[in-house]
């Protein structure tokens, strides 16, 4: 009956509908899936379940922010000013002068 209503067009499922259908059917053996009249191929159900589990695991492990936190703009300005005023200083000397100014930052950040 559903096929008559669609006039040969494919059913378009929302991602939530796909996940729900997959969660319902993934435990059934392939023989049972073959006997059922499904809107998808029987091989699609286990594949979608694998993708669903992989996506859930990947989303849990993914960092929300990429990269390292940015250095505060005022610290960057201070370091650049010290370098400009003292061109003979290396980054370790600049890093050594920063605690005098009350700034705690790693030497690699200054470098």
N, C-alpha and C. Protein backbone atom coordinates (compact mmCIF):
# COMPACT_ATOMS: atom_id res chain seq x y z
N UNK A 1 0.82 -1.19 0.00
CA UNK A 1 0.00 0.00 0.00
C UNK A 1 0.87 1.26 0.00
N UNK A 2 1.92 1.25 0.78
CA UNK A 2 2.81 2.40 0.83
C UNK A 2 3.46 2.65 -0.52
N UNK A 3 3.78 1.57 -1.24
CA UNK A 3 4.39 1.73 -2.56
C UNK A 3 3.44 2.43 -3.53
N UNK A 4 2.16 2.16 -3.41
CA UNK A 4 1.19 2.82 -4.29
C UNK A 4 1.13 4.32 -4.00
N UNK A 5 1.23 4.68 -2.75
CA UNK A 5 1.17 6.11 -2.39
C UNK A 5 2.40 6.87 -2.85
N UNK A 6 3.53 6.19 -2.95
CA UNK A 6 4.76 6.86 -3.32
C UNK A 6 4.96 6.97 -4.82
N UNK A 7 4.19 6.22 -5.60
CA UNK A 7 4.29 6.24 -7.07
C UNK A 7 5.72 5.95 -7.55
N UNK A 8 6.36 4.98 -6.96
CA UNK A 8 7.70 4.59 -7.40
C UNK A 8 8.83 5.44 -6.85
N UNK A 9 8.53 6.49 -6.08
CA UNK A 9 9.59 7.32 -5.51
C UNK A 9 10.16 6.65 -4.27
N UNK A 10 11.40 6.98 -3.96
CA UNK A 10 12.05 6.42 -2.78
C UNK A 10 11.61 7.16 -1.53
N UNK A 11 11.58 6.45 -0.43
CA UNK A 11 11.24 7.05 0.85
C UNK A 11 12.46 7.81 1.37
N UNK A 12 12.27 9.02 1.81
CA UNK A 12 13.34 9.83 2.36
C UNK A 12 13.20 9.83 3.89
N UNK A 13 14.18 9.22 4.57
CA UNK A 13 14.14 9.14 6.02
C UNK A 13 15.00 10.23 6.63
N UNK A 14 14.54 10.74 7.76
CA UNK A 14 15.34 11.68 8.53
C UNK A 14 16.41 10.89 9.29
N UNK A 15 17.50 11.51 9.69
CA UNK A 15 18.54 10.78 10.42
C UNK A 15 18.02 10.12 11.70
N UNK A 16 17.10 10.76 12.38
CA UNK A 16 16.53 10.17 13.59
C UNK A 16 15.73 8.91 13.28
N UNK A 17 15.00 8.92 12.15
CA UNK A 17 14.24 7.74 11.75
C UNK A 17 15.17 6.59 11.39
N UNK A 18 16.26 6.90 10.73
CA UNK A 18 17.24 5.85 10.39
C UNK A 18 17.83 5.24 11.66
N UNK A 19 18.18 6.09 12.62
CA UNK A 19 18.77 5.60 13.87
C UNK A 19 17.76 4.74 14.63
N UNK A 20 16.50 5.16 14.66
CA UNK A 20 15.46 4.40 15.36
C UNK A 20 15.24 3.04 14.72
N UNK A 21 15.13 3.01 13.41
CA UNK A 21 14.94 1.76 12.68
C UNK A 21 16.14 0.82 12.88
N UNK A 22 17.31 1.38 12.85
CA UNK A 22 18.53 0.59 13.05
C UNK A 22 18.58 0.03 14.46
N UNK A 23 18.25 0.85 15.46
CA UNK A 23 18.28 0.39 16.85
C UNK A 23 17.27 -0.73 17.08
N UNK A 24 16.13 -0.66 16.41
CA UNK A 24 15.12 -1.70 16.57
C UNK A 24 15.53 -3.03 15.93
N UNK A 25 16.16 -2.95 14.78
CA UNK A 25 16.36 -4.16 13.97
C UNK A 25 17.77 -4.74 14.03
N UNK A 26 18.73 -4.09 14.65
CA UNK A 26 20.12 -4.56 14.51
C UNK A 26 20.38 -5.90 15.20
N UNK A 27 19.59 -6.27 16.21
CA UNK A 27 19.81 -7.54 16.91
C UNK A 27 19.23 -8.75 16.18
N UNK A 28 18.37 -8.50 15.21
CA UNK A 28 17.74 -9.63 14.50
C UNK A 28 18.74 -10.31 13.58
N UNK A 29 18.66 -11.64 13.45
CA UNK A 29 19.55 -12.32 12.50
C UNK A 29 19.20 -11.96 11.06
N UNK A 30 20.16 -12.15 10.18
CA UNK A 30 19.98 -11.77 8.78
C UNK A 30 18.83 -12.53 8.13
N UNK A 31 18.62 -13.80 8.53
CA UNK A 31 17.53 -14.60 7.96
C UNK A 31 16.18 -13.96 8.27
N UNK A 32 16.03 -13.45 9.50
CA UNK A 32 14.78 -12.79 9.87
C UNK A 32 14.59 -11.49 9.09
N UNK A 33 15.68 -10.78 8.89
CA UNK A 33 15.59 -9.53 8.11
C UNK A 33 15.20 -9.81 6.66
N UNK A 34 15.70 -10.94 6.12
CA UNK A 34 15.36 -11.29 4.74
C UNK A 34 13.89 -11.62 4.59
N UNK A 35 13.28 -12.21 5.63
CA UNK A 35 11.86 -12.58 5.55
C UNK A 35 10.95 -11.37 5.74
N UNK A 36 11.44 -10.33 6.38
CA UNK A 36 10.61 -9.15 6.64
C UNK A 36 10.54 -8.26 5.41
N UNK A 37 9.47 -7.54 5.31
CA UNK A 37 9.33 -6.57 4.22
C UNK A 37 9.80 -5.21 4.76
N UNK A 38 11.04 -4.90 4.47
CA UNK A 38 11.67 -3.69 5.00
C UNK A 38 11.78 -2.61 3.93
N UNK A 39 11.80 -1.35 4.34
CA UNK A 39 11.99 -0.27 3.37
C UNK A 39 13.44 -0.13 2.93
N UNK A 40 14.34 -0.93 3.52
CA UNK A 40 15.75 -0.90 3.16
C UNK A 40 16.23 -2.33 2.94
N UNK A 41 17.40 -2.48 2.33
CA UNK A 41 17.96 -3.82 2.16
C UNK A 41 18.39 -4.38 3.51
N UNK A 42 18.35 -5.69 3.68
CA UNK A 42 18.74 -6.27 4.96
C UNK A 42 20.21 -5.99 5.32
N UNK A 43 21.09 -5.84 4.35
CA UNK A 43 22.49 -5.55 4.64
C UNK A 43 22.70 -4.12 5.15
N UNK A 44 21.71 -3.27 4.92
CA UNK A 44 21.83 -1.88 5.32
C UNK A 44 21.74 -1.73 6.83
N UNK A 45 20.95 -2.56 7.48
CA UNK A 45 20.73 -2.44 8.92
C UNK A 45 22.03 -2.61 9.71
N UNK A 46 22.79 -3.70 9.52
CA UNK A 46 24.04 -3.81 10.29
C UNK A 46 25.06 -2.73 9.94
N UNK A 47 25.08 -2.31 8.68
CA UNK A 47 26.03 -1.26 8.28
C UNK A 47 25.69 0.05 8.99
N UNK A 48 24.40 0.38 9.01
CA UNK A 48 24.00 1.61 9.69
C UNK A 48 24.28 1.52 11.18
N UNK A 49 24.10 0.34 11.76
CA UNK A 49 24.38 0.20 13.18
C UNK A 49 25.87 0.40 13.45
N UNK A 50 26.73 -0.17 12.62
CA UNK A 50 28.17 0.05 12.78
C UNK A 50 28.50 1.53 12.66
N UNK A 51 27.90 2.19 11.67
CA UNK A 51 28.15 3.63 11.49
C UNK A 51 27.65 4.43 12.69
N UNK A 52 26.49 4.03 13.22
CA UNK A 52 25.91 4.72 14.37
C UNK A 52 26.82 4.60 15.59
N UNK A 53 27.30 3.39 15.86
CA UNK A 53 28.18 3.16 17.00
C UNK A 53 29.51 3.88 16.79
N UNK A 54 30.06 3.83 15.58
CA UNK A 54 31.32 4.50 15.31
C UNK A 54 31.18 6.01 15.46
N UNK A 55 30.07 6.55 14.99
CA UNK A 55 29.85 8.00 15.10
C UNK A 55 29.70 8.41 16.55
N UNK A 56 28.98 7.61 17.33
CA UNK A 56 28.78 7.94 18.74
C UNK A 56 30.12 7.92 19.47
N UNK A 57 30.94 6.91 19.16
CA UNK A 57 32.25 6.83 19.80
C UNK A 57 33.14 7.99 19.36
N UNK A 58 33.11 8.30 18.09
CA UNK A 58 33.94 9.39 17.57
C UNK A 58 33.49 10.73 18.15
N UNK A 59 32.19 10.93 18.30
CA UNK A 59 31.70 12.19 18.84
C UNK A 59 32.09 12.34 20.30
N UNK A 60 32.14 11.24 21.04
CA UNK A 60 32.50 11.29 22.45
C UNK A 60 33.99 11.60 22.61
N UNK A 61 34.80 11.12 21.69
CA UNK A 61 36.25 11.29 21.80
C UNK A 61 36.74 12.60 21.19
N UNK A 62 35.93 13.23 20.38
CA UNK A 62 36.37 14.43 19.68
C UNK A 62 36.49 15.61 20.64
N UNK A 63 37.54 16.38 20.49
CA UNK A 63 37.71 17.58 21.29
C UNK A 63 36.77 18.65 20.75
N UNK A 64 36.24 19.43 21.64
CA UNK A 64 35.30 20.47 21.21
C UNK A 64 36.02 21.69 20.66
N UNK A 65 37.19 21.94 21.19
CA UNK A 65 37.96 23.07 20.70
C UNK A 65 39.23 22.55 20.07
N UNK A 66 39.56 23.05 18.92
CA UNK A 66 40.76 22.59 18.26
C UNK A 66 41.98 23.42 18.65
N UNK A 67 43.08 22.75 18.80
CA UNK A 67 44.34 23.45 19.03
C UNK A 67 44.54 23.95 20.45
N UNK A 68 45.59 24.69 20.60
CA UNK A 68 45.97 25.20 21.90
C UNK A 68 45.25 26.52 22.17
N UNK A 69 45.04 26.82 23.44
CA UNK A 69 44.41 28.08 23.79
C UNK A 69 45.30 29.24 23.36
N UNK A 70 44.67 30.30 22.92
CA UNK A 70 45.44 31.46 22.47
C UNK A 70 46.01 32.21 23.66
N UNK A 71 47.17 32.82 23.43
CA UNK A 71 47.80 33.65 24.45
C UNK A 71 47.02 34.95 24.55
N UNK A 72 46.87 35.42 25.77
CA UNK A 72 46.13 36.66 25.99
C UNK A 72 46.80 37.79 25.20
N UNK A 73 45.98 38.64 24.62
CA UNK A 73 46.48 39.70 23.74
C UNK A 73 47.43 40.65 24.46
N UNK A 74 47.15 40.94 25.73
CA UNK A 74 48.02 41.87 26.48
C UNK A 74 49.41 41.25 26.71
N UNK A 75 49.46 39.93 26.93
CA UNK A 75 50.76 39.27 27.11
C UNK A 75 51.53 39.28 25.79
N UNK A 76 50.83 39.02 24.69
CA UNK A 76 51.50 39.07 23.39
C UNK A 76 52.07 40.46 23.13
N UNK A 77 51.29 41.48 23.44
CA UNK A 77 51.75 42.86 23.22
C UNK A 77 52.97 43.17 24.09
N UNK A 78 52.96 42.69 25.34
CA UNK A 78 54.10 42.94 26.23
C UNK A 78 55.36 42.25 25.72
N UNK A 79 55.24 41.00 25.29
CA UNK A 79 56.40 40.26 24.77
C UNK A 79 56.95 40.96 23.53
N UNK A 80 56.07 41.34 22.63
CA UNK A 80 56.52 42.01 21.40
C UNK A 80 57.19 43.35 21.71
N UNK A 81 56.66 44.07 22.71
CA UNK A 81 57.27 45.34 23.09
C UNK A 81 58.67 45.13 23.67
N UNK A 82 58.82 44.09 24.53
CA UNK A 82 60.15 43.80 25.09
C UNK A 82 61.15 43.43 24.00
N UNK A 83 60.70 42.68 23.02
CA UNK A 83 61.59 42.28 21.92
C UNK A 83 61.99 43.49 21.08
N UNK A 84 61.02 44.38 20.82
CA UNK A 84 61.31 45.57 20.03
C UNK A 84 62.27 46.50 20.76
N UNK A 85 62.08 46.67 22.08
CA UNK A 85 62.92 47.57 22.85
C UNK A 85 64.32 47.00 23.11
N UNK A 86 64.42 45.67 23.10
CA UNK A 86 65.70 45.00 23.39
C UNK A 86 65.99 43.97 22.30
N UNK A 87 66.45 44.41 21.16
CA UNK A 87 66.63 43.48 20.04
C UNK A 87 67.73 42.44 20.27
N UNK A 88 68.63 42.68 21.21
CA UNK A 88 69.71 41.71 21.44
C UNK A 88 69.27 40.56 22.36
N UNK A 89 68.12 40.69 23.00
CA UNK A 89 67.66 39.65 23.91
C UNK A 89 67.13 38.45 23.13
N UNK A 90 67.46 37.27 23.61
CA UNK A 90 66.89 36.04 23.06
C UNK A 90 65.58 35.76 23.81
N UNK A 91 64.85 34.75 23.36
CA UNK A 91 63.54 34.50 23.96
C UNK A 91 63.66 34.07 25.43
N UNK A 92 64.77 33.43 25.80
CA UNK A 92 64.93 33.00 27.20
C UNK A 92 65.10 34.23 28.12
N UNK A 93 65.79 35.23 27.66
CA UNK A 93 65.95 36.46 28.45
C UNK A 93 64.62 37.17 28.58
N UNK A 94 63.86 37.21 27.48
CA UNK A 94 62.53 37.84 27.53
C UNK A 94 61.66 37.07 28.50
N UNK A 95 61.74 35.75 28.45
CA UNK A 95 60.95 34.91 29.35
C UNK A 95 61.37 35.15 30.80
N UNK A 96 62.65 35.37 31.04
CA UNK A 96 63.13 35.65 32.39
C UNK A 96 62.67 36.98 32.93
N UNK A 97 62.41 37.95 32.07
CA UNK A 97 61.96 39.28 32.50
C UNK A 97 60.45 39.33 32.76
N UNK A 98 59.72 38.40 32.23
CA UNK A 98 58.26 38.45 32.38
C UNK A 98 57.78 38.27 33.83
N UNK A 99 58.38 37.39 34.65
CA UNK A 99 57.92 37.31 36.04
C UNK A 99 58.12 38.61 36.81
N UNK A 100 59.10 39.41 36.41
CA UNK A 100 59.29 40.73 37.04
C UNK A 100 58.06 41.60 36.81
N UNK A 101 57.47 41.44 35.63
CA UNK A 101 56.27 42.20 35.28
C UNK A 101 55.00 41.53 35.80
N UNK A 102 55.16 40.35 36.48
CA UNK A 102 53.99 39.66 37.03
C UNK A 102 53.27 38.77 36.05
N UNK A 103 53.95 38.37 34.98
CA UNK A 103 53.33 37.55 33.94
C UNK A 103 53.92 36.14 34.00
N UNK A 104 53.04 35.15 34.11
CA UNK A 104 53.48 33.76 34.14
C UNK A 104 53.10 33.11 32.81
N UNK A 105 54.13 32.79 32.02
CA UNK A 105 53.91 32.20 30.70
C UNK A 105 55.07 31.27 30.39
N UNK A 106 54.85 30.25 29.60
CA UNK A 106 55.88 29.27 29.28
C UNK A 106 56.91 29.87 28.33
N UNK A 107 58.14 29.34 28.40
CA UNK A 107 59.21 29.82 27.53
C UNK A 107 58.89 29.51 26.07
N UNK A 108 58.24 28.38 25.81
CA UNK A 108 57.89 28.03 24.44
C UNK A 108 56.88 29.01 23.84
N UNK A 109 56.03 29.57 24.70
CA UNK A 109 55.06 30.58 24.22
C UNK A 109 55.80 31.84 23.81
N UNK A 110 56.78 32.23 24.61
CA UNK A 110 57.56 33.42 24.28
C UNK A 110 58.36 33.19 23.02
N UNK A 111 58.91 31.98 22.88
CA UNK A 111 59.72 31.65 21.70
C UNK A 111 58.90 31.68 20.46
